[in-house]
Amino acid sequence: MNLDYDFVSYQFAPVVKNTIDLYLYCYAQIAIFSKKQSTNNFKVVLDGYFSIAKCLGFTESELLTAYNEKNEVNLKRQDSNY
């Protein structure tokens, strides 16, 4: 899969639903994306994930920090053939 997605110009469009409905919405959007892998469908999935994070009280900074920390662990694992 090569979407060549432009993350620099990504603009978060929050989905306003309760927590359970957000999870259901996100799963539905993933199913759609798995059948038609387009940049628009990818953005909709990202918006769903980020909406769940926002609903659960995570900030953008916390998400970026967690991603970078996990990415560092993954790179070390790859370097050690884990």
N, C-alpha and C. Protein backbone atom coordinates (compact mmCIF):
# COMPACT_ATOMS: atom_id res chain seq x y z
N MET A 1 0.85 -1.17 0.00
CA MET A 1 0.00 0.00 0.00
C MET A 1 0.89 1.24 0.00
N ASN A 2 0.68 2.09 -0.95
CA ASN A 2 1.44 3.33 -1.02
C ASN A 2 0.45 4.48 -1.25
N LEU A 3 0.08 5.13 -0.17
CA LEU A 3 -0.87 6.23 -0.27
C LEU A 3 -0.19 7.56 -0.49
N ASP A 4 1.10 7.62 -0.16
CA ASP A 4 1.84 8.88 -0.29
C ASP A 4 1.07 10.02 0.39
N TYR A 5 0.69 9.80 1.66
CA TYR A 5 -0.13 10.75 2.39
C TYR A 5 0.69 11.93 2.88
N ASP A 6 0.16 13.12 2.72
CA ASP A 6 0.83 14.35 3.13
C ASP A 6 0.43 14.71 4.56
N PHE A 7 1.21 14.21 5.53
CA PHE A 7 0.90 14.45 6.93
C PHE A 7 1.12 15.91 7.32
N VAL A 8 1.93 16.64 6.59
CA VAL A 8 2.20 18.04 6.92
C VAL A 8 0.94 18.87 6.78
N SER A 9 0.13 18.59 5.77
CA SER A 9 -1.07 19.39 5.56
C SER A 9 -2.32 18.78 6.20
N TYR A 10 -2.16 17.69 6.96
CA TYR A 10 -3.30 17.05 7.62
C TYR A 10 -3.95 18.02 8.60
N GLN A 11 -5.25 18.10 8.52
CA GLN A 11 -6.04 18.92 9.45
C GLN A 11 -7.04 18.01 10.14
N PHE A 12 -6.92 17.91 11.46
CA PHE A 12 -7.81 17.05 12.25
C PHE A 12 -9.23 17.57 12.18
N ALA A 13 -10.14 16.68 11.80
CA ALA A 13 -11.57 16.99 11.78
C ALA A 13 -12.25 16.08 12.81
N PRO A 14 -12.42 16.58 14.03
CA PRO A 14 -12.95 15.70 15.08
C PRO A 14 -14.35 15.16 14.76
N VAL A 15 -14.55 13.93 15.17
CA VAL A 15 -15.85 13.28 15.06
C VAL A 15 -16.48 13.38 16.44
N VAL A 16 -17.67 13.94 16.51
CA VAL A 16 -18.31 14.16 17.80
C VAL A 16 -19.34 13.06 18.05
N LYS A 17 -18.95 12.13 18.92
CA LYS A 17 -19.81 11.02 19.32
C LYS A 17 -19.39 10.61 20.73
N ASN A 18 -20.19 9.77 21.37
CA ASN A 18 -19.76 9.25 22.67
C ASN A 18 -18.68 8.18 22.43
N THR A 19 -18.03 7.75 23.48
CA THR A 19 -16.87 6.87 23.36
C THR A 19 -17.20 5.57 22.62
N ILE A 20 -18.27 4.92 22.99
CA ILE A 20 -18.62 3.65 22.34
C ILE A 20 -18.90 3.87 20.86
N ASP A 21 -19.66 4.91 20.54
CA ASP A 21 -19.98 5.19 19.14
C ASP A 21 -18.73 5.56 18.35
N LEU A 22 -17.77 6.21 19.00
CA LEU A 22 -16.50 6.53 18.32
C LEU A 22 -15.75 5.26 17.93
N TYR A 23 -15.70 4.29 18.86
CA TYR A 23 -15.04 3.03 18.54
C TYR A 23 -15.75 2.31 17.39
N LEU A 24 -17.07 2.25 17.45
CA LEU A 24 -17.84 1.60 16.38
C LEU A 24 -17.63 2.32 15.05
N TYR A 25 -17.65 3.65 15.09
CA TYR A 25 -17.42 4.45 13.89
C TYR A 25 -16.04 4.15 13.31
N CYS A 26 -15.04 4.10 14.17
CA CYS A 26 -13.67 3.87 13.73
C CYS A 26 -13.55 2.49 13.09
N TYR A 27 -14.12 1.46 13.72
CA TYR A 27 -14.09 0.12 13.14
C TYR A 27 -14.76 0.09 11.77
N ALA A 28 -15.88 0.78 11.64
CA ALA A 28 -16.58 0.83 10.36
C ALA A 28 -15.72 1.50 9.29
N GLN A 29 -15.03 2.58 9.68
CA GLN A 29 -14.19 3.29 8.73
C GLN A 29 -12.97 2.46 8.32
N ILE A 30 -12.44 1.67 9.26
CA ILE A 30 -11.33 0.77 8.93
C ILE A 30 -11.79 -0.27 7.91
N ALA A 31 -12.99 -0.80 8.09
CA ALA A 31 -13.53 -1.77 7.14
C ALA A 31 -13.66 -1.15 5.75
N ILE A 32 -14.12 0.08 5.69
CA ILE A 32 -14.23 0.78 4.41
C ILE A 32 -12.85 0.98 3.79
N PHE A 33 -11.90 1.42 4.62
CA PHE A 33 -10.54 1.66 4.14
C PHE A 33 -9.89 0.36 3.64
N SER A 34 -10.17 -0.75 4.30
CA SER A 34 -9.56 -2.01 3.88
C SER A 34 -10.06 -2.44 2.50
N LYS A 35 -11.26 -2.00 2.13
CA LYS A 35 -11.80 -2.33 0.80
C LYS A 35 -11.39 -1.32 -0.26
N LYS A 36 -11.25 -0.05 0.15
CA LYS A 36 -10.87 1.01 -0.80
C LYS A 36 -9.83 1.90 -0.14
N GLN A 37 -8.57 1.62 -0.43
CA GLN A 37 -7.47 2.34 0.20
C GLN A 37 -7.18 3.64 -0.55
N SER A 38 -7.86 4.67 -0.12
CA SER A 38 -7.67 6.00 -0.71
C SER A 38 -7.16 6.95 0.37
N THR A 39 -6.59 8.07 -0.06
CA THR A 39 -6.11 9.04 0.92
C THR A 39 -7.27 9.61 1.73
N ASN A 40 -8.42 9.80 1.12
CA ASN A 40 -9.57 10.32 1.86
C ASN A 40 -10.02 9.32 2.93
N ASN A 41 -10.11 8.05 2.57
CA ASN A 41 -10.51 7.05 3.54
C ASN A 41 -9.48 6.92 4.67
N PHE A 42 -8.21 7.08 4.34
CA PHE A 42 -7.16 7.04 5.35
C PHE A 42 -7.33 8.20 6.33
N LYS A 43 -7.63 9.40 5.81
CA LYS A 43 -7.84 10.57 6.66
C LYS A 43 -9.03 10.36 7.59
N VAL A 44 -10.07 9.75 7.08
CA VAL A 44 -11.26 9.49 7.91
C VAL A 44 -10.91 8.55 9.06
N VAL A 45 -10.08 7.52 8.79
CA VAL A 45 -9.64 6.61 9.84
C VAL A 45 -8.79 7.37 10.87
N LEU A 46 -7.85 8.19 10.40
CA LEU A 46 -7.03 8.99 11.33
C LEU A 46 -7.90 9.88 12.20
N ASP A 47 -8.87 10.54 11.59
CA ASP A 47 -9.77 11.40 12.35
C ASP A 47 -10.51 10.59 13.42
N GLY A 48 -10.89 9.37 13.07
CA GLY A 48 -11.57 8.50 14.04
C GLY A 48 -10.67 8.16 15.22
N TYR A 49 -9.43 7.74 14.92
CA TYR A 49 -8.48 7.41 15.99
C TYR A 49 -8.20 8.63 16.87
N PHE A 50 -7.95 9.76 16.25
CA PHE A 50 -7.64 10.96 17.02
C PHE A 50 -8.85 11.45 17.82
N SER A 51 -10.04 11.21 17.30
CA SER A 51 -11.25 11.58 18.04
C SER A 51 -11.40 10.72 19.28
N ILE A 52 -11.06 9.42 19.17
CA ILE A 52 -11.09 8.55 20.35
C ILE A 52 -10.09 9.06 21.38
N ALA A 53 -8.89 9.38 20.93
CA ALA A 53 -7.85 9.88 21.85
C ALA A 53 -8.33 11.16 22.54
N LYS A 54 -8.92 12.06 21.78
CA LYS A 54 -9.41 13.32 22.36
C LYS A 54 -10.52 13.05 23.38
N CYS A 55 -11.42 12.14 23.03
CA CYS A 55 -12.53 11.79 23.92
C CYS A 55 -12.00 11.20 25.23
N LEU A 56 -10.89 10.47 25.16
CA LEU A 56 -10.30 9.86 26.35
C LEU A 56 -9.39 10.82 27.11
N GLY A 57 -9.24 12.05 26.60
CA GLY A 57 -8.51 13.07 27.32
C GLY A 57 -7.03 13.19 26.98
N PHE A 58 -6.59 12.52 25.92
CA PHE A 58 -5.19 12.65 25.52
C PHE A 58 -4.98 13.93 24.72
N THR A 59 -3.84 14.57 24.95
CA THR A 59 -3.50 15.77 24.19
C THR A 59 -2.65 15.38 22.98
N GLU A 60 -2.53 16.29 22.05
CA GLU A 60 -1.68 16.06 20.88
C GLU A 60 -0.24 15.80 21.31
N SER A 61 0.23 16.57 22.28
CA SER A 61 1.59 16.41 22.78
C SER A 61 1.80 15.01 23.38
N GLU A 62 0.83 14.54 24.15
CA GLU A 62 0.94 13.21 24.74
C GLU A 62 0.98 12.12 23.67
N LEU A 63 0.16 12.27 22.63
CA LEU A 63 0.16 11.30 21.54
C LEU A 63 1.50 11.27 20.81
N LEU A 64 2.03 12.45 20.52
CA LEU A 64 3.32 12.52 19.82
C LEU A 64 4.44 11.94 20.67
N THR A 65 4.44 12.24 21.95
CA THR A 65 5.46 11.71 22.86
C THR A 65 5.38 10.19 22.92
N ALA A 66 4.18 9.65 23.09
CA ALA A 66 4.00 8.20 23.15
C ALA A 66 4.42 7.54 21.84
N TYR A 67 4.06 8.14 20.72
CA TYR A 67 4.45 7.59 19.41
C TYR A 67 5.97 7.57 19.27
N ASN A 68 6.61 8.68 19.59
CA ASN A 68 8.07 8.76 19.45
C ASN A 68 8.79 7.78 20.37
N GLU A 69 8.30 7.63 21.60
CA GLU A 69 8.91 6.67 22.53
C GLU A 69 8.76 5.24 22.02
N LYS A 70 7.58 4.90 21.53
CA LYS A 70 7.35 3.55 21.01
C LYS A 70 8.16 3.32 19.74
N ASN A 71 8.27 4.33 18.90
CA ASN A 71 9.04 4.21 17.67
C ASN A 71 10.52 3.95 17.99
N GLU A 72 11.03 4.60 19.02
CA GLU A 72 12.41 4.39 19.44
C GLU A 72 12.63 2.94 19.87
N VAL A 73 11.68 2.39 20.64
CA VAL A 73 11.76 0.99 21.06
C VAL A 73 11.74 0.07 19.84
N ASN A 74 10.85 0.35 18.90
CA ASN A 74 10.75 -0.48 17.70
C ASN A 74 12.04 -0.45 16.88
N LEU A 75 12.66 0.71 16.76
CA LEU A 75 13.92 0.82 16.01
C LEU A 75 15.03 0.03 16.68
N LYS A 76 15.07 0.09 18.02
CA LYS A 76 16.08 -0.71 18.75
C LYS A 76 15.84 -2.20 18.54
N ARG A 77 14.58 -2.60 18.53
CA ARG A 77 14.26 -4.00 18.29
C ARG A 77 14.70 -4.44 16.89
N GLN A 78 14.47 -3.59 15.92
CA GLN A 78 14.90 -3.92 14.55
C GLN A 78 16.41 -4.02 14.47
N ASP A 79 17.10 -3.13 15.14
CA ASP A 79 18.56 -3.15 15.12
C ASP A 79 19.13 -4.40 15.77
N SER A 80 18.39 -4.96 16.74
CA SER A 80 18.88 -6.16 17.43
C SER A 80 18.22 -7.44 16.91
N ASN A 81 17.57 -7.33 15.74
CA ASN A 81 16.89 -8.47 15.09
C ASN A 81 15.87 -9.15 16.00
N TYR A 82 15.17 -8.37 16.78
CA TYR A 82 14.16 -8.87 17.72
C TYR A 82 13.00 -9.48 16.98
